Amino acid sequence: MTIDDVLHDNDQVLLRLGEPASPVPAPFVELLLSWIDNRDNMNTATNRDSRWLFPGRRASQPLNPNSLSGLLNDLGIPTTAARTAAIRQQVLDVPAPVVADALGYHDKTTTRLLNETGGAWSRYAPGEHGKSLPRQQH
């Protein structure tokens, strides 16, 4: 994600995670804009013009996800709990096998999370639904 993915539309700040861009909630707008103005790892000659929202220490590279997770944890943001809450919400909105396939989880894990959240996708049959089955000879 780059600073070009942070958009200004009149008085609203949007974040391009896909299309259309998503509005940034009010409590985070000031934090995000302040971060852009004061990003880490911008002092080396190779990173001065970096467009990464979270620039890494190596030139032209974003911050490593584990490093970002550590920074968030240092700020008191529990990344494991946030990730768990996000996937639990996903299995409420989308069939568990689809979430598993999209995020690289085992389908038994997402099905267990679905059952724990009381979701309604229990009758969803995974697999290719667009293909017809071959006819059997009698």
C-alpha atoms as a PDB file:
ATOM      1  CA  MET A   1       0.000   0.000   0.000  1.00  0.00           C
ATOM      2  CA  THR A   2       1.388   3.412  -0.902  1.00  0.00           C
ATOM      3  CA  ILE A   3       0.619   6.960   0.122  1.00  0.00           C
ATOM      4  CA  ASP A   4      -1.117   7.237  -3.265  1.00  0.00           C
ATOM      5  CA  ASP A   5      -3.778   4.875  -1.849  1.00  0.00           C
ATOM      6  CA  VAL A   6      -4.800   7.567   0.659  1.00  0.00           C
ATOM      7  CA  LEU A   7      -7.248   9.802  -1.194  1.00  0.00           C
ATOM      8  CA  HIS A   8      -8.799  13.137  -0.312  1.00  0.00           C
ATOM      9  CA  ASP A   9     -12.345  13.735  -1.540  1.00  0.00           C
ATOM     10  CA  ASN A  10     -13.511  17.148  -0.314  1.00  0.00           C
ATOM     11  CA  ASP A  11     -13.535  16.816   3.495  1.00  0.00           C
ATOM     12  CA  GLN A  12     -13.353  13.025   3.466  1.00  0.00           C
ATOM     13  CA  VAL A  13     -10.239  10.817   3.541  1.00  0.00           C
ATOM     14  CA  LEU A  14     -10.499   7.515   1.690  1.00  0.00           C
ATOM     15  CA  LEU A  15      -8.254   4.465   1.651  1.00  0.00           C
ATOM     16  CA  ARG A  16      -7.995   2.474  -1.559  1.00  0.00           C
ATOM     17  CA  LEU A  17      -8.107  -1.161  -0.425  1.00  0.00           C
ATOM     18  CA  GLY A  18     -10.085  -2.038  -3.553  1.00  0.00           C
ATOM     19  CA  GLU A  19     -12.643  -0.268  -5.669  1.00  0.00           C
ATOM     20  CA  PRO A  20     -14.389   1.806  -4.564  1.00  0.00           C
ATOM     21  CA  ALA A  21     -12.081   3.319  -1.952  1.00  0.00           C
ATOM     22  CA  SER A  22     -13.263   3.059   1.657  1.00  0.00           C
ATOM     23  CA  PRO A  23     -13.822   6.041   3.942  1.00  0.00           C
ATOM     24  CA  VAL A  24     -11.385   6.269   6.845  1.00  0.00           C
ATOM     25  CA  PRO A  25     -13.326   6.540  10.134  1.00  0.00           C
ATOM     26  CA  ALA A  26     -13.002   9.946  11.824  1.00  0.00           C
ATOM     27  CA  PRO A  27     -10.871   8.835  14.791  1.00  0.00           C
ATOM     28  CA  PHE A  28      -8.180   7.513  12.420  1.00  0.00           C
ATOM     29  CA  VAL A  29      -8.004  10.309   9.843  1.00  0.00           C
ATOM     30  CA  GLU A  30      -5.720  12.553  11.910  1.00  0.00           C
ATOM     31  CA  LEU A  31      -3.552   9.573  12.907  1.00  0.00           C
ATOM     32  CA  LEU A  32      -3.184   8.418   9.282  1.00  0.00           C
ATOM     33  CA  LEU A  33      -2.377  11.870   7.920  1.00  0.00           C
ATOM     34  CA  SER A  34       0.131  12.476  10.717  1.00  0.00           C
ATOM     35  CA  TRP A  35       1.787   9.123   9.958  1.00  0.00           C
ATOM     36  CA  ILE A  36       2.172  10.019   6.279  1.00  0.00           C
ATOM     37  CA  ASP A  37       3.937  13.267   7.226  1.00  0.00           C
ATOM     38  CA  ASN A  38       6.243  11.517   9.724  1.00  0.00           C
ATOM     39  CA  ARG A  39       6.832   8.005   8.308  1.00  0.00           C
ATOM     40  CA  ASP A  40       9.722   5.943   9.694  1.00  0.00           C
ATOM     41  CA  ASN A  41      12.712   4.845   7.602  1.00  0.00           C
ATOM     42  CA  MET A  42      12.665   7.936   5.379  1.00  0.00           C
ATOM     43  CA  ASN A  43      16.105   9.291   6.329  1.00  0.00           C
ATOM     44  CA  THR A  44      18.311   7.019   4.232  1.00  0.00           C
ATOM     45  CA  ALA A  45      19.360   8.161   0.785  1.00  0.00           C
ATOM     46  CA  THR A  46      17.555   5.228  -0.837  1.00  0.00           C
ATOM     47  CA  ASN A  47      14.221   5.826   0.924  1.00  0.00           C
ATOM     48  CA  ARG A  48      13.786   9.612   0.711  1.00  0.00           C
ATOM     49  CA  ASP A  49      11.271   9.317  -2.140  1.00  0.00           C
ATOM     50  CA  SER A  50       9.567   6.109  -0.990  1.00  0.00           C
ATOM     51  CA  ARG A  51       5.833   5.993  -1.753  1.00  0.00           C
ATOM     52  CA  TRP A  52       5.182   3.063   0.622  1.00  0.00           C
ATOM     53  CA  LEU A  53       2.716   3.901   3.370  1.00  0.00           C
ATOM     54  CA  PHE A  54       4.893   1.799   5.691  1.00  0.00           C
ATOM     55  CA  PRO A  55       8.395   1.968   4.188  1.00  0.00           C
ATOM     56  CA  GLY A  56      10.887  -0.703   5.191  1.00  0.00           C
ATOM     57  CA  ARG A  57      14.558  -0.342   5.962  1.00  0.00           C
ATOM     58  CA  ARG A  58      15.569  -1.738   2.574  1.00  0.00           C
ATOM     59  CA  ALA A  59      15.215   0.522  -0.418  1.00  0.00           C
ATOM     60  CA  SER A  60      11.999   0.072  -2.410  1.00  0.00           C
ATOM     61  CA  GLN A  61      10.594  -2.385   0.128  1.00  0.00           C
ATOM     62  CA  PRO A  62       7.570  -2.005   2.414  1.00  0.00           C
ATOM     63  CA  LEU A  63       7.814  -2.694   6.132  1.00  0.00           C
ATOM     64  CA  ASN A  64       7.886  -6.399   6.969  1.00  0.00           C
ATOM     65  CA  PRO A  65       4.457  -7.559   8.296  1.00  0.00           C
ATOM     66  CA  ASN A  66       6.061  -8.915  11.483  1.00  0.00           C
ATOM     67  CA  SER A  67       7.725  -5.547  12.123  1.00  0.00           C
ATOM     68  CA  LEU A  68       4.416  -3.757  11.569  1.00  0.00           C
ATOM     69  CA  SER A  69       2.698  -6.184  13.946  1.00  0.00           C
ATOM     70  CA  GLY A  70       5.346  -5.450  16.585  1.00  0.00           C
ATOM     71  CA  LEU A  71       4.840  -1.690  16.208  1.00  0.00           C
ATOM     72  CA  LEU A  72       1.070  -2.084  16.573  1.00  0.00           C
ATOM     73  CA  ASN A  73       1.487  -4.280  19.646  1.00  0.00           C
ATOM     74  CA  ASP A  74       3.819  -1.651  21.154  1.00  0.00           C
ATOM     75  CA  LEU A  75       1.011   0.889  20.718  1.00  0.00           C
ATOM     76  CA  GLY A  76      -1.365  -1.409  22.600  1.00  0.00           C
ATOM     77  CA  ILE A  77      -3.199  -2.716  19.518  1.00  0.00           C
ATOM     78  CA  PRO A  78      -3.486  -6.510  19.897  1.00  0.00           C
ATOM     79  CA  THR A  79      -2.961  -7.743  16.344  1.00  0.00           C
ATOM     80  CA  THR A  80      -3.832 -11.375  17.076  1.00  0.00           C
ATOM     81  CA  ALA A  81      -7.161 -10.395  18.615  1.00  0.00           C
ATOM     82  CA  ALA A  82      -7.866  -8.013  15.731  1.00  0.00           C
ATOM     83  CA  ARG A  83      -7.097 -10.712  13.140  1.00  0.00           C
ATOM     84  CA  THR A  84      -9.300 -13.214  14.979  1.00  0.00           C
ATOM     85  CA  ALA A  85     -12.172 -10.721  15.191  1.00  0.00           C
ATOM     86  CA  ALA A  86     -11.835  -9.936  11.483  1.00  0.00           C
ATOM     87  CA  ILE A  87     -11.957 -13.583  10.365  1.00  0.00           C
ATOM     88  CA  ARG A  88     -14.907 -14.275  12.681  1.00  0.00           C
ATOM     89  CA  GLN A  89     -16.767 -11.432  10.988  1.00  0.00           C
ATOM     90  CA  GLN A  90     -15.798 -12.772   7.570  1.00  0.00           C
ATOM     91  CA  VAL A  91     -17.295 -16.223   8.229  1.00  0.00           C
ATOM     92  CA  LEU A  92     -20.547 -14.529   9.231  1.00  0.00           C
ATOM     93  CA  ASP A  93     -20.666 -12.700   5.883  1.00  0.00           C
ATOM     94  CA  VAL A  94     -19.166 -15.303   3.531  1.00  0.00           C
ATOM     95  CA  PRO A  95     -19.247 -19.139   3.515  1.00  0.00           C
ATOM     96  CA  ALA A  96     -16.441 -20.616   5.647  1.00  0.00           C
ATOM     97  CA  PRO A  97     -14.879 -22.650   2.767  1.00  0.00           C
ATOM     98  CA  VAL A  98     -14.676 -19.489   0.647  1.00  0.00           C
ATOM     99  CA  VAL A  99     -12.956 -17.591   3.480  1.00  0.00           C
ATOM    100  CA  ALA A 100     -10.559 -20.507   4.021  1.00  0.00           C
ATOM    101  CA  ASP A 101      -9.633 -20.603   0.339  1.00  0.00           C
ATOM    102  CA  ALA A 102      -9.235 -16.826   0.057  1.00  0.00           C
ATOM    103  CA  LEU A 103      -7.100 -16.412   3.199  1.00  0.00           C
ATOM    104  CA  GLY A 104      -5.159 -19.671   3.127  1.00  0.00           C
ATOM    105  CA  TYR A 105      -6.790 -21.196   6.199  1.00  0.00           C
ATOM    106  CA  HIS A 106      -7.835 -24.820   6.541  1.00  0.00           C
ATOM    107  CA  ASP A 107     -11.586 -25.140   5.934  1.00  0.00           C
ATOM    108  CA  LYS A 108     -12.005 -26.972   9.264  1.00  0.00           C
ATOM    109  CA  THR A 109     -10.622 -23.892  11.044  1.00  0.00           C
ATOM    110  CA  THR A 110     -13.057 -21.504   9.379  1.00  0.00           C
ATOM    111  CA  THR A 111     -15.938 -23.939   9.898  1.00  0.00           C
ATOM    112  CA  ARG A 112     -15.077 -24.127  13.613  1.00  0.00           C
ATOM    113  CA  LEU A 113     -15.009 -20.322  13.791  1.00  0.00           C
ATOM    114  CA  LEU A 114     -18.373 -20.222  11.998  1.00  0.00           C
ATOM    115  CA  ASN A 115     -19.876 -22.622  14.523  1.00  0.00           C
ATOM    116  CA  GLU A 116     -18.454 -20.586  17.425  1.00  0.00           C
ATOM    117  CA  THR A 117     -19.999 -17.383  16.047  1.00  0.00           C
ATOM    118  CA  GLY A 118     -23.370 -18.987  15.344  1.00  0.00           C
ATOM    119  CA  GLY A 119     -23.217 -18.256  11.623  1.00  0.00           C
ATOM    120  CA  ALA A 120     -25.845 -19.432   9.145  1.00  0.00           C
ATOM    121  CA  TRP A 121     -23.654 -20.892   6.366  1.00  0.00           C
ATOM    122  CA  SER A 122     -23.738 -24.438   7.777  1.00  0.00           C
ATOM    123  CA  ARG A 123     -25.452 -25.871   4.688  1.00  0.00           C
ATOM    124  CA  TYR A 124     -23.052 -24.344   2.172  1.00  0.00           C
ATOM    125  CA  ALA A 125     -21.485 -27.035  -0.017  1.00  0.00           C
ATOM    126  CA  PRO A 126     -17.934 -26.168  -1.103  1.00  0.00           C
ATOM    127  CA  GLY A 127     -16.710 -26.935  -4.599  1.00  0.00           C
ATOM    128  CA  GLU A 128     -17.325 -25.892  -8.176  1.00  0.00           C
ATOM    129  CA  HIS A 129     -20.988 -24.935  -8.471  1.00  0.00           C
ATOM    130  CA  GLY A 130     -20.779 -23.604 -12.012  1.00  0.00           C
ATOM    131  CA  LYS A 131     -19.882 -26.944 -13.577  1.00  0.00           C
ATOM    132  CA  SER A 132     -22.445 -29.591 -14.308  1.00  0.00           C
ATOM    133  CA  LEU A 133     -21.785 -33.149 -13.261  1.00  0.00           C
ATOM    134  CA  PRO A 134     -21.104 -35.732 -15.954  1.00  0.00           C
ATOM    135  CA  ARG A 135     -24.087 -37.873 -16.873  1.00  0.00           C
ATOM    136  CA  GLN A 136     -23.921 -41.439 -15.666  1.00  0.00           C
ATOM    137  CA  GLN A 137     -24.672 -44.338 -17.992  1.00  0.00           C
ATOM    138  CA  HIS A 138     -27.377 -46.768 -16.788  1.00  0.00           C
END
